Amino acid sequence: MTMTEIRYIVTGMSCGHCVASITEEVCEVSGVSEVSVDLPSNEVTVRGATLDDEQVRAAITEAGYSVTGVV
């Protein structure tokens, strides 16, 4: 099975709580198998077999953060 990866630039993240909030919300999106957050680069990397960009962006917004771009 091929994995898809999307890296988002996300603003507003500053601590471990931010990482946990985003990880929890995005992991609930159907098709997502892995989420990693890199605070210094403001990047959220999402991996999965089938990723729905709109749903992932909505989950990040639901967690309280803003997607400002894709790497």
N, C-alpha and C. Protein backbone atom coordinates (compact mmCIF):
# COMPACT_ATOMS: atom_id res chain seq x y z
N MET A 1 0.84 -1.18 0.00
CA MET A 1 0.00 0.00 0.00
C MET A 1 0.89 1.25 0.00
N THR A 2 0.59 2.17 -0.87
CA THR A 2 1.36 3.40 -0.99
C THR A 2 0.89 4.42 0.04
N MET A 3 1.86 5.03 0.70
CA MET A 3 1.54 6.07 1.68
C MET A 3 1.68 7.44 1.01
N THR A 4 0.76 8.31 1.34
CA THR A 4 0.82 9.69 0.88
C THR A 4 1.32 10.54 2.04
N GLU A 5 2.07 11.59 1.72
CA GLU A 5 2.55 12.49 2.76
C GLU A 5 2.27 13.92 2.35
N ILE A 6 1.72 14.70 3.28
CA ILE A 6 1.51 16.13 3.06
C ILE A 6 2.13 16.86 4.24
N ARG A 7 2.92 17.89 3.94
CA ARG A 7 3.53 18.71 5.00
C ARG A 7 2.89 20.10 4.97
N TYR A 8 2.31 20.47 6.09
CA TYR A 8 1.63 21.76 6.22
C TYR A 8 2.47 22.73 7.04
N ILE A 9 2.42 24.00 6.68
CA ILE A 9 2.98 25.06 7.51
C ILE A 9 1.84 25.54 8.40
N VAL A 10 2.05 25.49 9.71
CA VAL A 10 0.99 25.81 10.66
C VAL A 10 1.49 26.88 11.63
N THR A 11 0.71 27.94 11.81
CA THR A 11 1.11 29.01 12.73
C THR A 11 0.38 28.88 14.06
N GLY A 12 1.02 29.40 15.10
CA GLY A 12 0.41 29.43 16.42
C GLY A 12 0.89 28.33 17.35
N MET A 13 1.72 27.42 16.87
CA MET A 13 2.21 26.32 17.71
C MET A 13 3.43 26.80 18.50
N SER A 14 3.46 26.46 19.81
CA SER A 14 4.60 26.92 20.60
C SER A 14 5.06 25.94 21.69
N CYS A 15 4.29 24.87 21.92
CA CYS A 15 4.63 24.00 23.06
C CYS A 15 4.13 22.57 22.85
N GLY A 16 4.41 21.74 23.83
CA GLY A 16 3.98 20.35 23.77
C GLY A 16 2.46 20.20 23.73
N HIS A 17 1.75 21.10 24.39
CA HIS A 17 0.29 21.05 24.34
C HIS A 17 -0.21 21.27 22.93
N CYS A 18 0.43 22.18 22.20
CA CYS A 18 0.07 22.44 20.80
C CYS A 18 0.26 21.17 19.97
N VAL A 19 1.38 20.51 20.18
CA VAL A 19 1.68 19.27 19.46
C VAL A 19 0.61 18.22 19.75
N ALA A 20 0.27 18.07 21.03
CA ALA A 20 -0.74 17.07 21.42
C ALA A 20 -2.10 17.40 20.83
N SER A 21 -2.49 18.66 20.86
CA SER A 21 -3.81 19.06 20.33
C SER A 21 -3.92 18.76 18.84
N ILE A 22 -2.91 19.15 18.09
CA ILE A 22 -2.93 18.92 16.64
C ILE A 22 -2.89 17.42 16.34
N THR A 23 -2.01 16.71 17.02
CA THR A 23 -1.89 15.27 16.78
C THR A 23 -3.22 14.56 17.05
N GLU A 24 -3.86 14.91 18.16
CA GLU A 24 -5.14 14.27 18.53
C GLU A 24 -6.21 14.54 17.48
N GLU A 25 -6.36 15.79 17.06
CA GLU A 25 -7.40 16.15 16.08
C GLU A 25 -7.14 15.50 14.72
N VAL A 26 -5.90 15.58 14.24
CA VAL A 26 -5.60 15.09 12.90
C VAL A 26 -5.66 13.56 12.85
N CYS A 27 -5.28 12.89 13.92
CA CYS A 27 -5.34 11.42 13.95
C CYS A 27 -6.76 10.90 13.82
N GLU A 28 -7.75 11.73 14.13
CA GLU A 28 -9.15 11.32 14.01
C GLU A 28 -9.66 11.38 12.57
N VAL A 29 -8.90 12.00 11.68
CA VAL A 29 -9.31 12.11 10.28
C VAL A 29 -9.15 10.75 9.60
N SER A 30 -10.17 10.33 8.88
CA SER A 30 -10.14 9.05 8.18
C SER A 30 -8.97 9.00 7.20
N GLY A 31 -8.23 7.90 7.22
CA GLY A 31 -7.11 7.72 6.29
C GLY A 31 -5.77 8.13 6.84
N VAL A 32 -5.75 8.86 7.95
CA VAL A 32 -4.49 9.31 8.54
C VAL A 32 -3.91 8.19 9.40
N SER A 33 -2.64 7.87 9.16
CA SER A 33 -2.00 6.82 9.96
C SER A 33 -0.88 7.37 10.84
N GLU A 34 -0.36 8.55 10.50
CA GLU A 34 0.75 9.10 11.28
C GLU A 34 0.75 10.62 11.19
N VAL A 35 1.03 11.27 12.32
CA VAL A 35 1.14 12.73 12.37
C VAL A 35 2.41 13.06 13.12
N SER A 36 3.24 13.94 12.57
CA SER A 36 4.39 14.42 13.32
C SER A 36 4.43 15.94 13.22
N VAL A 37 4.77 16.56 14.35
CA VAL A 37 4.78 18.01 14.44
C VAL A 37 6.20 18.47 14.77
N ASP A 38 6.72 19.41 14.00
CA ASP A 38 8.05 19.97 14.23
C ASP A 38 7.87 21.45 14.58
N LEU A 39 7.96 21.76 15.87
CA LEU A 39 7.73 23.13 16.33
C LEU A 39 8.70 24.15 15.72
N PRO A 40 10.03 23.87 15.70
CA PRO A 40 10.96 24.89 15.18
C PRO A 40 10.67 25.31 13.74
N SER A 41 10.21 24.38 12.91
CA SER A 41 9.94 24.71 11.50
C SER A 41 8.47 25.01 11.23
N ASN A 42 7.62 24.90 12.28
CA ASN A 42 6.17 25.11 12.13
C ASN A 42 5.56 24.17 11.11
N GLU A 43 6.07 22.95 11.04
CA GLU A 43 5.56 21.97 10.07
C GLU A 43 4.80 20.84 10.76
N VAL A 44 3.69 20.46 10.14
CA VAL A 44 2.93 19.29 10.55
C VAL A 44 2.94 18.34 9.37
N THR A 45 3.53 17.17 9.55
CA THR A 45 3.60 16.16 8.50
C THR A 45 2.54 15.11 8.76
N VAL A 46 1.72 14.85 7.75
CA VAL A 46 0.64 13.89 7.87
C VAL A 46 0.87 12.79 6.83
N ARG A 47 0.78 11.53 7.28
CA ARG A 47 0.95 10.40 6.38
C ARG A 47 -0.26 9.48 6.48
N GLY A 48 -0.60 8.88 5.35
CA GLY A 48 -1.70 7.94 5.34
C GLY A 48 -1.91 7.38 3.95
N ALA A 49 -2.74 6.36 3.87
CA ALA A 49 -3.02 5.72 2.58
C ALA A 49 -3.89 6.62 1.71
N THR A 50 -4.89 7.24 2.32
CA THR A 50 -5.77 8.15 1.60
C THR A 50 -5.96 9.39 2.45
N LEU A 51 -5.42 10.50 2.02
CA LEU A 51 -5.52 11.74 2.78
C LEU A 51 -6.46 12.71 2.10
N ASP A 52 -7.36 13.27 2.87
CA ASP A 52 -8.27 14.29 2.38
C ASP A 52 -7.76 15.63 2.90
N ASP A 53 -7.17 16.42 2.00
CA ASP A 53 -6.55 17.69 2.37
C ASP A 53 -7.51 18.59 3.14
N GLU A 54 -8.74 18.69 2.68
CA GLU A 54 -9.73 19.56 3.35
C GLU A 54 -10.01 19.10 4.77
N GLN A 55 -10.13 17.80 4.97
CA GLN A 55 -10.41 17.27 6.31
C GLN A 55 -9.22 17.48 7.25
N VAL A 56 -8.01 17.32 6.73
CA VAL A 56 -6.82 17.53 7.55
C VAL A 56 -6.72 19.00 7.95
N ARG A 57 -6.93 19.89 6.98
CA ARG A 57 -6.90 21.33 7.29
C ARG A 57 -7.97 21.70 8.31
N ALA A 58 -9.16 21.12 8.18
CA ALA A 58 -10.25 21.38 9.12
C ALA A 58 -9.88 20.91 10.53
N ALA A 59 -9.21 19.77 10.62
CA ALA A 59 -8.81 19.24 11.93
C ALA A 59 -7.78 20.15 12.59
N ILE A 60 -6.84 20.67 11.81
CA ILE A 60 -5.84 21.60 12.35
C ILE A 60 -6.52 22.88 12.83
N THR A 61 -7.48 23.37 12.05
CA THR A 61 -8.24 24.56 12.44
C THR A 61 -9.05 24.29 13.70
N GLU A 62 -9.66 23.11 13.78
CA GLU A 62 -10.45 22.71 14.95
C GLU A 62 -9.58 22.70 16.21
N ALA A 63 -8.31 22.34 16.04
CA ALA A 63 -7.39 22.31 17.18
C ALA A 63 -6.99 23.72 17.61
N GLY A 64 -7.32 24.72 16.76
CA GLY A 64 -7.04 26.10 17.14
C GLY A 64 -5.86 26.74 16.44
N TYR A 65 -5.43 26.17 15.32
CA TYR A 65 -4.25 26.66 14.62
C TYR A 65 -4.59 26.97 13.17
N SER A 66 -3.69 27.66 12.49
CA SER A 66 -3.95 28.08 11.10
C SER A 66 -2.95 27.44 10.15
N VAL A 67 -3.47 26.88 9.07
CA VAL A 67 -2.61 26.36 8.00
C VAL A 67 -2.32 27.53 7.08
N THR A 68 -1.03 27.85 6.91
CA THR A 68 -0.67 28.97 6.05
C THR A 68 -0.05 28.53 4.74
N GLY A 69 0.19 27.22 4.60
CA GLY A 69 0.74 26.74 3.34
C GLY A 69 1.07 25.27 3.41
N VAL A 70 1.56 24.77 2.28
CA VAL A 70 1.99 23.37 2.17
C VAL A 70 3.42 23.40 1.66
N VAL A 71 4.25 22.54 2.23
CA VAL A 71 5.66 22.48 1.82
C VAL A 71 5.79 21.57 0.62
